[in-house]
Structure formats: C-alpha cells, structure tokens
Amino acid sequence: MLLGLGHKVVHANPAFVAEFGIIPIGVPAAEALLDLPPLVLEVADRVLASGRPLATWVTVRGVRRRLTVAPRTDVETGEVYGVAIRLAGE
C-alpha cells in the first residue's frame, strides 16, 4: 500500500516482500521499487486524483503482469489518502 502523493510504502504483504524484499516503511516507492516501470506510479497518481480504480498491463523484470490500483478512502471524510497496488501474473 502506498500513502499520499509521494507514494510512501506503508504496508507490504508477504507476496510483496517475496517479490521486492523488505522495504522500510515510509520510503517513497520511486526510491524503493526500482524494478517497477514508471507507468505504475503514473497509474497510482491517476487513481489518487480520480478516486477510481484502474488496471493495465505492465512488464516487470521481463514478465508481463496485470497491475490493479485501487484507492484507499477515509470512511469519515471520503478523502482518498493512498492506493493499494496489486501485480498479478498473466
């Protein structure tokens, strides 16, 4: 999960850690996830701005993957504060 416009890593599930290693919490994704194509953060920016989930295909380390980015919304204010990203195999 990424927080805010800086896309700071705030949560990593076991699958994330297995793929990318242990990433310190609070580090911007652009600095920590160098194997991700720039399109991933571009899609995250669009989801933050629109509040609507998006999906596309990306290539990570030579493997085509399905990227899904979903907004995380504050239940009281409705404000989008971050995004959850998912990379799935073809």
C-alpha atoms as a PDB file:
ATOM      1  CA  MET A   1       0.000   0.000   0.000  1.00  0.00           C
ATOM      2  CA  LEU A   2       1.202   3.481  -0.893  1.00  0.00           C
ATOM      3  CA  LEU A   3       0.336   6.652   1.013  1.00  0.00           C
ATOM      4  CA  GLY A   4      -0.149  10.115  -0.460  1.00  0.00           C
ATOM      5  CA  LEU A   5       1.282  11.937  -3.435  1.00  0.00           C
ATOM      6  CA  GLY A   6       4.806  10.801  -2.548  1.00  0.00           C
ATOM      7  CA  HIS A   7       3.637   7.186  -2.756  1.00  0.00           C
ATOM      8  CA  LYS A   8       5.291   6.221   0.512  1.00  0.00           C
ATOM      9  CA  VAL A   9       5.299   2.484   1.194  1.00  0.00           C
ATOM     10  CA  VAL A  10       3.187   1.927   4.321  1.00  0.00           C
ATOM     11  CA  HIS A  11       2.299  -1.753   4.090  1.00  0.00           C
ATOM     12  CA  ALA A  12       3.765  -4.796   2.419  1.00  0.00           C
ATOM     13  CA  ASN A  13       2.134  -8.209   2.494  1.00  0.00           C
ATOM     14  CA  PRO A  14       4.162 -11.461   2.286  1.00  0.00           C
ATOM     15  CA  ALA A  15       3.801 -11.653  -1.511  1.00  0.00           C
ATOM     16  CA  PHE A  16       5.189  -8.120  -1.858  1.00  0.00           C
ATOM     17  CA  VAL A  17       8.152  -8.921   0.405  1.00  0.00           C
ATOM     18  CA  ALA A  18       8.836 -12.140  -1.522  1.00  0.00           C
ATOM     19  CA  GLU A  19       8.978 -10.191  -4.807  1.00  0.00           C
ATOM     20  CA  PHE A  20      10.664  -6.934  -3.780  1.00  0.00           C
ATOM     21  CA  GLY A  21      12.334  -7.698  -0.463  1.00  0.00           C
ATOM     22  CA  ILE A  22      11.897  -5.847   2.793  1.00  0.00           C
ATOM     23  CA  ILE A  23      11.250  -2.158   2.151  1.00  0.00           C
ATOM     24  CA  PRO A  24      11.474   0.284   5.064  1.00  0.00           C
ATOM     25  CA  ILE A  25       8.095   1.829   5.868  1.00  0.00           C
ATOM     26  CA  GLY A  26       7.841   5.457   4.775  1.00  0.00           C
ATOM     27  CA  VAL A  27      10.239   5.224   1.835  1.00  0.00           C
ATOM     28  CA  PRO A  28       8.824   6.605  -1.436  1.00  0.00           C
ATOM     29  CA  ALA A  29       8.024   3.855  -3.923  1.00  0.00           C
ATOM     30  CA  ALA A  30      10.067   5.641  -6.619  1.00  0.00           C
ATOM     31  CA  GLU A  31      13.175   5.140  -4.465  1.00  0.00           C
ATOM     32  CA  ALA A  32      12.405   1.687  -3.115  1.00  0.00           C
ATOM     33  CA  LEU A  33      10.821  -0.151  -6.041  1.00  0.00           C
ATOM     34  CA  LEU A  34      13.308   0.473  -8.833  1.00  0.00           C
ATOM     35  CA  ASP A  35      12.185  -2.612 -10.781  1.00  0.00           C
ATOM     36  CA  LEU A  36       8.719  -1.134 -11.348  1.00  0.00           C
ATOM     37  CA  PRO A  37       8.167   0.740 -14.612  1.00  0.00           C
ATOM     38  CA  PRO A  38       7.229   4.445 -14.274  1.00  0.00           C
ATOM     39  CA  LEU A  39       3.727   3.581 -15.524  1.00  0.00           C
ATOM     40  CA  VAL A  40       2.917   2.054 -12.115  1.00  0.00           C
ATOM     41  CA  LEU A  41       3.292   5.376 -10.309  1.00  0.00           C
ATOM     42  CA  GLU A  42       1.577   7.233 -13.152  1.00  0.00           C
ATOM     43  CA  VAL A  43      -1.469   4.996 -12.695  1.00  0.00           C
ATOM     44  CA  ALA A  44      -1.259   5.497  -8.912  1.00  0.00           C
ATOM     45  CA  ASP A  45      -1.308   9.277  -9.477  1.00  0.00           C
ATOM     46  CA  ARG A  46      -4.418   8.971 -11.653  1.00  0.00           C
ATOM     47  CA  VAL A  47      -6.192   6.862  -9.020  1.00  0.00           C
ATOM     48  CA  LEU A  48      -5.299   9.349  -6.273  1.00  0.00           C
ATOM     49  CA  ALA A  49      -6.680  12.199  -8.380  1.00  0.00           C
ATOM     50  CA  SER A  50      -9.859  10.482  -9.555  1.00  0.00           C
ATOM     51  CA  GLY A  51     -10.700   8.190  -6.641  1.00  0.00           C
ATOM     52  CA  ARG A  52     -11.480   5.419  -9.133  1.00  0.00           C
ATOM     53  CA  PRO A  53      -9.624   2.119  -9.523  1.00  0.00           C
ATOM     54  CA  LEU A  54      -7.636   1.447 -12.678  1.00  0.00           C
ATOM     55  CA  ALA A  55      -5.928  -1.552 -14.226  1.00  0.00           C
ATOM     56  CA  THR A  56      -3.427  -2.074 -17.031  1.00  0.00           C
ATOM     57  CA  TRP A  57      -0.667  -4.390 -18.175  1.00  0.00           C
ATOM     58  CA  VAL A  58       2.962  -3.696 -17.233  1.00  0.00           C
ATOM     59  CA  THR A  59       6.227  -5.548 -17.716  1.00  0.00           C
ATOM     60  CA  VAL A  60       8.266  -6.133 -14.562  1.00  0.00           C
ATOM     61  CA  ARG A  61      11.691  -7.763 -14.929  1.00  0.00           C
ATOM     62  CA  GLY A  62      10.716  -9.022 -18.374  1.00  0.00           C
ATOM     63  CA  VAL A  63       7.437 -10.587 -17.220  1.00  0.00           C
ATOM     64  CA  ARG A  64       4.048  -9.245 -18.316  1.00  0.00           C
ATOM     65  CA  ARG A  65       1.877  -8.576 -15.256  1.00  0.00           C
ATOM     66  CA  ARG A  66      -1.608  -7.217 -14.606  1.00  0.00           C
ATOM     67  CA  LEU A  67      -1.466  -4.067 -12.483  1.00  0.00           C
ATOM     68  CA  THR A  68      -4.523  -3.112 -10.457  1.00  0.00           C
ATOM     69  CA  VAL A  69      -4.524   0.106  -8.433  1.00  0.00           C
ATOM     70  CA  ALA A  70      -7.397   0.811  -6.035  1.00  0.00           C
ATOM     71  CA  PRO A  71      -7.994   3.957  -3.985  1.00  0.00           C
ATOM     72  CA  ARG A  72      -7.922   3.828  -0.195  1.00  0.00           C
ATOM     73  CA  THR A  73     -10.526   6.201   1.177  1.00  0.00           C
ATOM     74  CA  ASP A  74     -11.099   7.657   4.631  1.00  0.00           C
ATOM     75  CA  VAL A  75     -14.501   6.344   5.735  1.00  0.00           C
ATOM     76  CA  GLU A  76     -15.427   9.554   7.552  1.00  0.00           C
ATOM     77  CA  THR A  77     -14.371  12.171   5.001  1.00  0.00           C
ATOM     78  CA  GLY A  78     -14.372  10.222   1.739  1.00  0.00           C
ATOM     79  CA  GLU A  79     -10.886  11.601   1.019  1.00  0.00           C
ATOM     80  CA  VAL A  80      -8.535   9.379  -0.977  1.00  0.00           C
ATOM     81  CA  TYR A  81      -5.353   9.121   1.072  1.00  0.00           C
ATOM     82  CA  GLY A  82      -3.471   6.355  -0.726  1.00  0.00           C
ATOM     83  CA  VAL A  83      -3.638   3.404  -3.071  1.00  0.00           C
ATOM     84  CA  ALA A  84      -3.368  -0.346  -2.893  1.00  0.00           C
ATOM     85  CA  ILE A  85      -1.439  -1.904  -5.747  1.00  0.00           C
ATOM     86  CA  ARG A  86      -1.597  -5.476  -6.979  1.00  0.00           C
ATOM     87  CA  LEU A  87       0.557  -7.207  -9.553  1.00  0.00           C
ATOM     88  CA  ALA A  88      -0.754 -10.496 -10.840  1.00  0.00           C
ATOM     89  CA  GLY A  89       0.733 -12.978 -13.280  1.00  0.00           C
ATOM     90  CA  GLU A  90      -0.735 -13.423 -16.714  1.00  0.00           C
END
